[in-house]
C-alpha cells in the first residue's frame, strides 16, 4: 500500500490539508498526519486539527510521498524546520515523491528541489528569481518528475486527484473522482 506523510504546522491552510488527507484515504492510501510538535494544530481559519503523531515519530517510518499543505504562517513554519528540509532532501534523493500546494512550494524551493523544475504556487508565494532555472507556470497542478506543485485552496481537489493517480493509478483516481460528484 502506498504511504504518504502530511506534516501539519500551526497556521496551515485547512482546506488543503483536509482535502488531501480525505481524498488519499478514499483511494486506500495510508496517510499519516504529523504535527511539528505534540500540540493540536490551529489552522489558518481557526479549525483545530489533531495530527496522528509528531513529526519525530513519523520520521521513524518510510513514506512514498510527503505532501506539504500551504497557508500562512504554516508554510513558513514548515520551511523553518530543519527536520522538514532534511526529510524533503532525503526523500528526493531516494526517488520518493515530494508535493506542495499554495505557499508550501517555497519550502520545496528552500530545500533545493525546484531548481531547474517546472512548478506553480499561490501567486507571489515563490520568489522565482531566487530559484535557479525554475519555469513558473500558472496552472492548477504541475508535475515535473517526482515533484508535484499546486496553486491554492481552489485547486486542492485537483491536486489530491493527481496525487492519487501518481501513487495508485488512473483507475483509482477516476473511481474516487466519480464518488465526489464533481460534474
N, C-alpha and C. Protein backbone atom coordinates (compact mmCIF):
# COMPACT_ATOMS: atom_id res chain seq x y z
N UNK A 1 0.84 -1.18 0.00
CA UNK A 1 0.00 0.00 0.00
C UNK A 1 0.89 1.25 0.00
N UNK A 2 0.52 2.21 -0.81
CA UNK A 2 1.26 3.49 -0.85
C UNK A 2 1.07 4.22 0.47
N UNK A 3 2.11 4.96 0.88
CA UNK A 3 2.03 5.71 2.13
C UNK A 3 2.49 7.14 1.92
N UNK A 4 1.79 8.05 2.59
CA UNK A 4 2.03 9.48 2.44
C UNK A 4 2.12 10.14 3.80
N UNK A 5 3.08 11.02 3.96
CA UNK A 5 3.21 11.84 5.16
C UNK A 5 2.74 13.25 4.86
N UNK A 6 1.86 13.78 5.70
CA UNK A 6 1.39 15.17 5.58
C UNK A 6 1.76 15.89 6.88
N UNK A 7 2.88 16.65 6.86
CA UNK A 7 3.24 17.42 8.05
C UNK A 7 2.27 18.60 8.22
N UNK A 8 1.83 18.82 9.46
CA UNK A 8 0.90 19.91 9.74
C UNK A 8 1.58 20.91 10.68
N UNK A 9 1.62 22.16 10.26
CA UNK A 9 2.21 23.22 11.08
C UNK A 9 1.12 24.19 11.50
N UNK A 10 1.35 24.86 12.63
CA UNK A 10 0.42 25.90 13.08
C UNK A 10 0.22 26.91 11.94
N UNK A 11 -1.05 27.21 11.64
CA UNK A 11 -1.36 28.17 10.59
C UNK A 11 -1.42 27.59 9.20
N UNK A 12 -1.50 26.26 9.09
CA UNK A 12 -1.63 25.65 7.75
C UNK A 12 -3.03 25.96 7.20
N UNK A 13 -3.19 25.79 5.92
CA UNK A 13 -4.48 26.00 5.26
C UNK A 13 -5.30 24.71 5.40
N UNK A 14 -6.35 24.76 6.20
CA UNK A 14 -7.11 23.55 6.50
C UNK A 14 -7.79 22.94 5.29
N UNK A 15 -8.27 23.74 4.36
CA UNK A 15 -8.93 23.18 3.17
C UNK A 15 -7.96 22.30 2.39
N UNK A 16 -6.73 22.74 2.27
CA UNK A 16 -5.72 21.96 1.54
C UNK A 16 -5.35 20.70 2.31
N UNK A 17 -5.11 20.83 3.60
CA UNK A 17 -4.70 19.67 4.41
C UNK A 17 -5.81 18.62 4.45
N UNK A 18 -7.01 19.02 4.77
CA UNK A 18 -8.11 18.08 4.93
C UNK A 18 -8.49 17.45 3.58
N UNK A 19 -8.49 18.22 2.51
CA UNK A 19 -8.84 17.68 1.19
C UNK A 19 -7.84 16.61 0.77
N UNK A 20 -6.56 16.88 0.93
CA UNK A 20 -5.54 15.91 0.55
C UNK A 20 -5.69 14.64 1.38
N UNK A 21 -5.79 14.77 2.69
CA UNK A 21 -5.90 13.60 3.55
C UNK A 21 -7.17 12.81 3.21
N UNK A 22 -8.29 13.47 3.09
CA UNK A 22 -9.56 12.82 2.81
C UNK A 22 -9.52 12.05 1.49
N UNK A 23 -9.12 12.70 0.41
CA UNK A 23 -9.16 12.04 -0.89
C UNK A 23 -8.15 10.90 -0.98
N UNK A 24 -6.96 11.07 -0.43
CA UNK A 24 -5.99 9.99 -0.47
C UNK A 24 -6.48 8.78 0.33
N UNK A 25 -7.11 9.02 1.46
CA UNK A 25 -7.65 7.90 2.24
C UNK A 25 -8.80 7.23 1.51
N UNK A 26 -9.62 7.98 0.78
CA UNK A 26 -10.68 7.38 -0.04
C UNK A 26 -10.09 6.43 -1.07
N UNK A 27 -8.86 6.73 -1.52
CA UNK A 27 -8.19 5.90 -2.53
C UNK A 27 -7.48 4.71 -1.91
N UNK A 28 -7.57 4.54 -0.59
CA UNK A 28 -6.93 3.42 0.07
C UNK A 28 -5.46 3.63 0.34
N UNK A 29 -5.01 4.87 0.26
CA UNK A 29 -3.62 5.20 0.53
C UNK A 29 -3.47 5.44 2.03
N UNK A 30 -2.39 4.91 2.61
CA UNK A 30 -2.12 5.15 4.02
C UNK A 30 -1.59 6.58 4.16
N UNK A 31 -2.30 7.40 4.94
CA UNK A 31 -1.89 8.78 5.15
C UNK A 31 -1.63 8.99 6.64
N UNK A 32 -0.47 9.54 6.95
CA UNK A 32 -0.11 9.88 8.32
C UNK A 32 0.03 11.39 8.40
N UNK A 33 -0.71 12.01 9.31
CA UNK A 33 -0.52 13.43 9.56
C UNK A 33 0.40 13.56 10.77
N UNK A 34 1.31 14.52 10.69
CA UNK A 34 2.30 14.68 11.76
C UNK A 34 2.46 16.15 12.12
N UNK A 35 2.27 16.45 13.38
CA UNK A 35 2.48 17.81 13.86
C UNK A 35 3.96 18.06 14.12
N UNK A 36 4.38 19.29 14.00
CA UNK A 36 5.78 19.62 14.26
C UNK A 36 6.12 19.43 15.73
N UNK A 37 5.08 19.45 16.58
CA UNK A 37 5.25 19.14 18.00
C UNK A 37 4.02 18.35 18.44
N UNK A 38 3.84 18.17 19.72
CA UNK A 38 2.75 17.33 20.23
C UNK A 38 1.44 18.09 20.44
N UNK A 39 1.37 19.34 20.02
CA UNK A 39 0.17 20.16 20.24
C UNK A 39 -0.84 19.99 19.11
N UNK A 40 -2.13 20.18 19.39
CA UNK A 40 -3.10 20.28 18.30
C UNK A 40 -2.69 21.45 17.39
N UNK A 41 -3.04 21.36 16.13
CA UNK A 41 -2.69 22.39 15.16
C UNK A 41 -3.88 23.30 14.94
N UNK A 42 -3.68 24.60 15.16
CA UNK A 42 -4.71 25.57 14.83
C UNK A 42 -4.43 26.08 13.43
N UNK A 43 -5.32 25.75 12.51
CA UNK A 43 -5.13 26.10 11.10
C UNK A 43 -5.44 27.57 10.86
N UNK A 44 -5.20 28.01 9.62
CA UNK A 44 -5.28 29.44 9.29
C UNK A 44 -6.66 30.06 9.49
N UNK A 45 -7.71 29.26 9.43
CA UNK A 45 -9.07 29.78 9.61
C UNK A 45 -9.65 29.40 10.96
N UNK A 46 -8.80 28.92 11.87
CA UNK A 46 -9.24 28.64 13.23
C UNK A 46 -9.66 27.21 13.51
N UNK A 47 -9.69 26.35 12.51
CA UNK A 47 -10.05 24.95 12.74
C UNK A 47 -8.91 24.27 13.51
N UNK A 48 -9.25 23.41 14.45
CA UNK A 48 -8.25 22.65 15.19
C UNK A 48 -8.11 21.28 14.56
N UNK A 49 -6.88 20.93 14.21
CA UNK A 49 -6.56 19.64 13.61
C UNK A 49 -5.73 18.83 14.61
N UNK A 50 -6.05 17.55 14.74
CA UNK A 50 -5.31 16.68 15.65
C UNK A 50 -4.45 15.71 14.82
N UNK A 51 -3.16 15.98 14.72
CA UNK A 51 -2.29 15.10 13.93
C UNK A 51 -2.27 13.68 14.51
N UNK A 52 -1.99 12.71 13.64
CA UNK A 52 -1.90 11.31 14.06
C UNK A 52 -0.73 11.08 15.00
N UNK A 53 0.35 11.84 14.79
CA UNK A 53 1.56 11.67 15.59
C UNK A 53 2.43 12.91 15.43
N UNK A 54 3.55 12.93 16.15
CA UNK A 54 4.50 14.03 15.98
C UNK A 54 5.41 13.74 14.79
N UNK A 55 6.05 14.77 14.28
CA UNK A 55 6.99 14.60 13.19
C UNK A 55 8.14 13.68 13.61
N UNK A 56 8.60 13.82 14.85
CA UNK A 56 9.68 12.96 15.35
C UNK A 56 9.30 11.48 15.22
N UNK A 57 8.06 11.15 15.58
CA UNK A 57 7.59 9.77 15.47
C UNK A 57 7.49 9.35 14.00
N UNK A 58 6.97 10.23 13.17
CA UNK A 58 6.80 9.92 11.74
C UNK A 58 8.13 9.70 11.05
N UNK A 59 9.17 10.38 11.50
CA UNK A 59 10.48 10.25 10.87
C UNK A 59 11.09 8.87 11.08
N UNK A 60 10.49 8.07 11.94
CA UNK A 60 10.95 6.69 12.14
C UNK A 60 10.38 5.74 11.09
N UNK A 61 9.47 6.24 10.27
CA UNK A 61 8.82 5.43 9.24
C UNK A 61 9.34 5.86 7.86
N UNK A 62 9.00 5.07 6.86
CA UNK A 62 9.32 5.48 5.49
C UNK A 62 8.01 5.71 4.75
N UNK A 63 8.07 6.62 3.80
CA UNK A 63 6.89 7.01 3.04
C UNK A 63 7.23 7.08 1.56
N UNK A 64 6.21 6.94 0.72
CA UNK A 64 6.38 7.06 -0.72
C UNK A 64 6.30 8.51 -1.18
N UNK A 65 5.66 9.34 -0.36
CA UNK A 65 5.44 10.74 -0.73
C UNK A 65 5.28 11.57 0.54
N UNK A 66 5.75 12.82 0.46
CA UNK A 66 5.44 13.80 1.50
C UNK A 66 4.67 14.92 0.81
N UNK A 67 3.58 15.37 1.44
CA UNK A 67 2.74 16.43 0.88
C UNK A 67 2.67 17.57 1.89
N UNK A 68 3.04 18.76 1.44
CA UNK A 68 3.04 19.93 2.31
C UNK A 68 1.82 20.81 2.01
N UNK A 69 0.91 20.96 2.98
CA UNK A 69 -0.18 21.93 2.79
C UNK A 69 0.40 23.34 2.89
N UNK A 70 -0.28 24.27 2.27
CA UNK A 70 0.18 25.66 2.33
C UNK A 70 -0.47 26.42 3.46
N UNK A 71 -0.78 27.66 3.18
CA UNK A 71 -1.31 28.55 4.19
C UNK A 71 -0.18 29.25 4.91
N UNK A 72 -0.50 30.42 5.41
CA UNK A 72 0.50 31.18 6.18
C UNK A 72 -0.07 31.48 7.55
N UNK A 73 0.75 31.33 8.55
CA UNK A 73 2.20 31.11 8.52
C UNK A 73 2.61 29.65 8.46
N UNK A 74 1.68 28.72 8.20
CA UNK A 74 2.01 27.30 8.21
C UNK A 74 3.18 26.93 7.32
N UNK A 75 3.16 27.40 6.07
CA UNK A 75 4.25 27.06 5.14
C UNK A 75 5.58 27.59 5.66
N UNK A 76 5.57 28.77 6.26
CA UNK A 76 6.82 29.33 6.81
C UNK A 76 7.33 28.48 7.97
N UNK A 77 6.42 27.98 8.81
CA UNK A 77 6.84 27.11 9.91
C UNK A 77 7.47 25.82 9.37
N UNK A 78 6.89 25.26 8.31
CA UNK A 78 7.48 24.07 7.70
C UNK A 78 8.87 24.38 7.16
N UNK A 79 9.00 25.51 6.47
CA UNK A 79 10.28 25.88 5.87
C UNK A 79 11.35 26.21 6.88
N UNK A 80 10.94 26.64 8.07
CA UNK A 80 11.90 26.99 9.12
C UNK A 80 12.32 25.78 9.96
N UNK A 81 11.72 24.61 9.71
CA UNK A 81 12.03 23.42 10.49
C UNK A 81 13.09 22.59 9.76
N UNK A 82 14.29 22.50 10.31
CA UNK A 82 15.36 21.76 9.62
C UNK A 82 15.03 20.29 9.39
N UNK A 83 14.16 19.71 10.22
CA UNK A 83 13.76 18.31 10.03
C UNK A 83 12.96 18.16 8.74
N UNK A 84 12.11 19.15 8.44
CA UNK A 84 11.30 19.10 7.22
C UNK A 84 12.20 19.23 6.00
N UNK A 85 13.13 20.18 6.04
CA UNK A 85 14.05 20.38 4.91
C UNK A 85 14.87 19.11 4.67
N UNK A 86 15.41 18.53 5.73
CA UNK A 86 16.20 17.30 5.62
C UNK A 86 15.35 16.16 5.07
N UNK A 87 14.12 16.02 5.56
CA UNK A 87 13.22 14.98 5.07
C UNK A 87 12.98 15.13 3.57
N UNK A 88 12.67 16.35 3.13
CA UNK A 88 12.43 16.59 1.70
C UNK A 88 13.65 16.20 0.87
N UNK A 89 14.82 16.61 1.31
CA UNK A 89 16.04 16.31 0.57
C UNK A 89 16.31 14.81 0.53
N UNK A 90 16.10 14.13 1.65
CA UNK A 90 16.32 12.68 1.70
C UNK A 90 15.31 11.95 0.82
N UNK A 91 14.06 12.40 0.84
CA UNK A 91 13.04 11.75 0.01
C UNK A 91 13.35 11.93 -1.46
N UNK A 92 13.73 13.14 -1.84
CA UNK A 92 14.07 13.40 -3.24
C UNK A 92 15.28 12.56 -3.66
N UNK A 93 16.28 12.47 -2.80
CA UNK A 93 17.49 11.70 -3.12
C UNK A 93 17.18 10.21 -3.28
N UNK A 94 16.17 9.72 -2.56
CA UNK A 94 15.82 8.30 -2.62
C UNK A 94 14.83 7.99 -3.75
N UNK A 95 14.37 9.01 -4.47
CA UNK A 95 13.43 8.80 -5.57
C UNK A 95 11.97 8.83 -5.16
N UNK A 96 11.70 9.26 -3.93
CA UNK A 96 10.31 9.38 -3.47
C UNK A 96 9.71 10.68 -4.03
N UNK A 97 8.41 10.80 -3.89
CA UNK A 97 7.70 11.99 -4.37
C UNK A 97 7.66 13.07 -3.30
N UNK A 98 7.76 14.32 -3.74
CA UNK A 98 7.54 15.47 -2.87
C UNK A 98 6.48 16.34 -3.53
N UNK A 99 5.56 16.85 -2.73
CA UNK A 99 4.45 17.63 -3.27
C UNK A 99 4.13 18.77 -2.32
N UNK A 100 3.67 19.88 -2.89
CA UNK A 100 3.34 21.06 -2.07
C UNK A 100 2.31 21.90 -2.80
N UNK A 101 1.46 22.57 -2.01
CA UNK A 101 0.39 23.40 -2.56
C UNK A 101 0.42 24.77 -1.92
N UNK A 102 -0.05 25.77 -2.66
CA UNK A 102 -0.25 27.14 -2.17
C UNK A 102 1.08 27.83 -1.87
N UNK A 103 1.34 28.17 -0.63
CA UNK A 103 2.60 28.81 -0.25
C UNK A 103 3.70 27.78 0.01
N UNK A 104 3.35 26.50 0.16
CA UNK A 104 4.33 25.48 0.53
C UNK A 104 5.37 25.15 -0.55
N UNK A 105 5.13 25.42 -1.84
CA UNK A 105 6.23 25.19 -2.78
C UNK A 105 7.49 25.99 -2.42
N UNK A 106 7.35 27.06 -1.65
CA UNK A 106 8.54 27.79 -1.22
C UNK A 106 9.41 26.92 -0.31
N UNK A 107 8.80 25.96 0.39
CA UNK A 107 9.57 25.04 1.23
C UNK A 107 10.36 24.08 0.33
N UNK A 108 9.74 23.61 -0.75
CA UNK A 108 10.47 22.78 -1.71
C UNK A 108 11.64 23.57 -2.30
N UNK A 109 11.41 24.85 -2.59
CA UNK A 109 12.48 25.70 -3.14
C UNK A 109 13.61 25.84 -2.12
N UNK A 110 13.25 26.05 -0.87
CA UNK A 110 14.26 26.19 0.18
C UNK A 110 15.11 24.93 0.31
N UNK A 111 14.51 23.78 0.06
CA UNK A 111 15.22 22.51 0.12
C UNK A 111 16.02 22.24 -1.16
N UNK A 112 15.90 23.14 -2.15
CA UNK A 112 16.63 22.98 -3.41
C UNK A 112 15.95 22.06 -4.40
N UNK A 113 14.68 21.71 -4.17
CA UNK A 113 14.01 20.74 -5.01
C UNK A 113 13.32 21.33 -6.24
N UNK A 114 13.26 22.66 -6.34
CA UNK A 114 12.63 23.26 -7.51
C UNK A 114 13.64 23.81 -8.52
N UNK A 115 14.93 23.67 -8.20
CA UNK A 115 15.96 24.14 -9.13
C UNK A 115 15.82 23.40 -10.47
N UNK A 116 15.67 24.18 -11.55
CA UNK A 116 15.56 23.60 -12.89
C UNK A 116 14.26 22.87 -13.15
N UNK A 117 13.25 23.08 -12.33
CA UNK A 117 11.97 22.38 -12.47
C UNK A 117 10.86 23.32 -12.94
N UNK A 118 9.79 22.71 -13.47
CA UNK A 118 8.55 23.43 -13.72
C UNK A 118 7.73 23.33 -12.44
N UNK A 119 7.12 24.44 -12.01
CA UNK A 119 6.37 24.44 -10.76
C UNK A 119 5.35 25.57 -10.76
N UNK A 120 4.44 25.49 -9.80
CA UNK A 120 3.46 26.55 -9.58
C UNK A 120 3.31 26.76 -8.08
N UNK A 121 2.55 27.78 -7.71
CA UNK A 121 2.29 28.09 -6.30
C UNK A 121 1.19 29.12 -6.25
N UNK A 122 0.81 29.50 -5.04
CA UNK A 122 -0.08 30.64 -4.87
C UNK A 122 0.64 31.85 -5.46
N UNK A 123 -0.07 32.74 -6.18
CA UNK A 123 0.60 33.89 -6.78
C UNK A 123 1.43 34.69 -5.76
N UNK A 124 2.69 34.88 -6.06
CA UNK A 124 3.58 35.67 -5.21
C UNK A 124 4.23 34.89 -4.09
N UNK A 125 3.86 33.62 -3.91
CA UNK A 125 4.43 32.84 -2.80
C UNK A 125 5.86 32.39 -3.08
N UNK A 126 6.21 32.24 -4.34
CA UNK A 126 7.55 31.80 -4.71
C UNK A 126 8.35 32.97 -5.26
N UNK A 127 9.55 33.16 -4.74
CA UNK A 127 10.47 34.15 -5.31
C UNK A 127 11.22 33.45 -6.43
N UNK A 128 10.67 33.50 -7.64
CA UNK A 128 11.24 32.75 -8.75
C UNK A 128 12.64 33.24 -9.13
N UNK A 129 12.95 34.47 -8.80
CA UNK A 129 14.30 35.00 -9.08
C UNK A 129 15.35 34.27 -8.25
N UNK A 130 14.95 33.73 -7.11
CA UNK A 130 15.89 33.07 -6.20
C UNK A 130 16.00 31.56 -6.45
N UNK A 131 15.22 31.03 -7.42
CA UNK A 131 15.24 29.60 -7.70
C UNK A 131 15.89 29.38 -9.06
N UNK A 132 17.11 28.85 -9.07
CA UNK A 132 17.83 28.67 -10.34
C UNK A 132 17.09 27.80 -11.34
N UNK A 133 16.82 28.34 -12.52
CA UNK A 133 16.26 27.58 -13.62
C UNK A 133 14.81 27.19 -13.50
N UNK A 134 14.08 27.75 -12.56
CA UNK A 134 12.67 27.37 -12.42
C UNK A 134 11.87 27.89 -13.61
N UNK A 135 10.91 27.09 -14.05
CA UNK A 135 9.93 27.52 -15.04
C UNK A 135 8.60 27.60 -14.32
N UNK A 136 8.17 28.82 -14.03
CA UNK A 136 6.96 29.03 -13.25
C UNK A 136 5.74 29.02 -14.17
N UNK A 137 4.75 28.18 -13.83
CA UNK A 137 3.53 28.05 -14.63
C UNK A 137 2.33 28.45 -13.79
N UNK A 138 1.34 29.03 -14.44
CA UNK A 138 0.12 29.44 -13.73
C UNK A 138 -1.01 28.47 -14.05
N UNK A 139 -0.76 27.18 -13.79
CA UNK A 139 -1.76 26.16 -13.99
C UNK A 139 -2.09 25.52 -12.64
N UNK A 140 -3.21 24.81 -12.57
CA UNK A 140 -3.70 24.28 -11.30
C UNK A 140 -2.71 23.34 -10.63
N UNK A 141 -2.16 22.42 -11.39
CA UNK A 141 -1.23 21.42 -10.86
C UNK A 141 -0.10 21.24 -11.86
N UNK A 142 1.12 21.19 -11.36
CA UNK A 142 2.29 20.97 -12.22
C UNK A 142 3.07 19.78 -11.68
N UNK A 143 3.32 18.82 -12.56
CA UNK A 143 4.16 17.68 -12.20
C UNK A 143 5.43 17.75 -13.03
N UNK A 144 6.57 17.68 -12.36
CA UNK A 144 7.86 17.64 -13.04
C UNK A 144 8.69 16.55 -12.37
N UNK A 145 8.77 15.41 -13.03
CA UNK A 145 9.46 14.28 -12.43
C UNK A 145 8.70 13.83 -11.19
N UNK A 146 9.37 13.84 -10.06
CA UNK A 146 8.75 13.38 -8.80
C UNK A 146 8.41 14.55 -7.88
N UNK A 147 8.27 15.75 -8.49
CA UNK A 147 7.87 16.94 -7.74
C UNK A 147 6.52 17.41 -8.28
N UNK A 148 5.55 17.59 -7.38
CA UNK A 148 4.20 18.00 -7.77
C UNK A 148 3.83 19.24 -6.97
N UNK A 149 3.39 20.29 -7.67
CA UNK A 149 3.00 21.54 -7.01
C UNK A 149 1.62 21.97 -7.48
N UNK A 150 0.97 22.80 -6.65
CA UNK A 150 -0.37 23.28 -6.98
C UNK A 150 -0.57 24.68 -6.45
N UNK A 151 -1.63 25.36 -6.91
CA UNK A 151 -1.84 26.79 -6.71
C UNK A 151 -2.40 27.21 -5.35
N UNK A 152 -3.43 26.52 -4.85
CA UNK A 152 -4.05 27.02 -3.62
C UNK A 152 -5.32 26.28 -3.26
N UNK A 153 -6.10 26.82 -2.31
CA UNK A 153 -7.28 26.12 -1.82
C UNK A 153 -8.23 25.68 -2.94
N UNK A 154 -8.41 26.51 -3.94
CA UNK A 154 -9.32 26.19 -5.03
C UNK A 154 -8.86 25.06 -5.92
N UNK A 155 -7.57 24.71 -5.85
CA UNK A 155 -7.04 23.61 -6.67
C UNK A 155 -6.74 22.37 -5.83
N UNK A 156 -7.12 22.39 -4.57
CA UNK A 156 -6.78 21.28 -3.66
C UNK A 156 -7.35 19.94 -4.12
N UNK A 157 -8.56 19.93 -4.66
CA UNK A 157 -9.15 18.68 -5.11
C UNK A 157 -8.42 18.15 -6.34
N UNK A 158 -8.13 19.04 -7.29
CA UNK A 158 -7.37 18.62 -8.47
C UNK A 158 -6.00 18.09 -8.07
N UNK A 159 -5.35 18.77 -7.14
CA UNK A 159 -4.04 18.37 -6.62
C UNK A 159 -4.12 16.97 -6.01
N UNK A 160 -5.09 16.74 -5.14
CA UNK A 160 -5.23 15.45 -4.48
C UNK A 160 -5.49 14.34 -5.50
N UNK A 161 -6.28 14.62 -6.52
CA UNK A 161 -6.57 13.62 -7.54
C UNK A 161 -5.31 13.27 -8.34
N UNK A 162 -4.47 14.26 -8.63
CA UNK A 162 -3.20 13.99 -9.30
C UNK A 162 -2.31 13.14 -8.41
N UNK A 163 -2.30 13.42 -7.10
CA UNK A 163 -1.50 12.63 -6.17
C UNK A 163 -1.98 11.17 -6.18
N UNK A 164 -3.28 10.96 -6.19
CA UNK A 164 -3.84 9.60 -6.24
C UNK A 164 -3.41 8.90 -7.52
N UNK A 165 -3.56 9.58 -8.65
CA UNK A 165 -3.18 8.96 -9.92
C UNK A 165 -1.70 8.62 -9.94
N UNK A 166 -0.88 9.49 -9.39
CA UNK A 166 0.56 9.27 -9.34
C UNK A 166 0.90 8.03 -8.51
N UNK A 167 0.24 7.87 -7.38
CA UNK A 167 0.57 6.79 -6.46
C UNK A 167 -0.09 5.46 -6.77
N UNK A 168 -1.35 5.48 -7.21
CA UNK A 168 -2.08 4.21 -7.38
C UNK A 168 -2.79 4.07 -8.72
N UNK A 169 -2.60 5.01 -9.63
CA UNK A 169 -3.11 4.86 -10.99
C UNK A 169 -4.39 5.60 -11.32
N UNK A 170 -4.63 5.71 -12.63
CA UNK A 170 -5.76 6.47 -13.14
C UNK A 170 -7.10 5.82 -12.81
N UNK A 171 -7.17 4.50 -12.79
CA UNK A 171 -8.43 3.82 -12.48
C UNK A 171 -8.91 4.20 -11.09
N UNK A 172 -8.01 4.20 -10.11
CA UNK A 172 -8.38 4.56 -8.74
C UNK A 172 -8.73 6.04 -8.66
N UNK A 173 -7.99 6.88 -9.38
CA UNK A 173 -8.30 8.31 -9.40
C UNK A 173 -9.72 8.52 -9.93
N UNK A 174 -10.04 7.87 -11.05
CA UNK A 174 -11.36 8.01 -11.65
C UNK A 174 -12.46 7.52 -10.71
N UNK A 175 -12.20 6.44 -10.00
CA UNK A 175 -13.16 5.89 -9.05
C UNK A 175 -13.43 6.89 -7.91
N UNK A 176 -12.37 7.45 -7.36
CA UNK A 176 -12.52 8.44 -6.28
C UNK A 176 -13.24 9.68 -6.80
N UNK A 177 -12.84 10.15 -7.97
CA UNK A 177 -13.46 11.36 -8.54
C UNK A 177 -14.93 11.15 -8.82
N UNK A 178 -15.32 9.98 -9.31
CA UNK A 178 -16.73 9.70 -9.59
C UNK A 178 -17.56 9.81 -8.32
N UNK A 179 -17.03 9.33 -7.22
CA UNK A 179 -17.75 9.39 -5.96
C UNK A 179 -17.90 10.79 -5.41
N UNK A 180 -17.11 11.72 -5.92
CA UNK A 180 -17.18 13.11 -5.44
C UNK A 180 -18.28 13.91 -6.13
N UNK A 181 -18.81 13.38 -7.23
CA UNK A 181 -19.89 14.07 -7.96
C UNK A 181 -19.48 15.49 -8.36
N UNK A 182 -18.31 15.62 -8.98
CA UNK A 182 -17.79 16.94 -9.36
C UNK A 182 -18.45 17.52 -10.59
N UNK A 183 -19.03 16.75 -11.42
CA UNK A 183 -19.56 17.36 -12.63
C UNK A 183 -20.61 16.61 -13.21
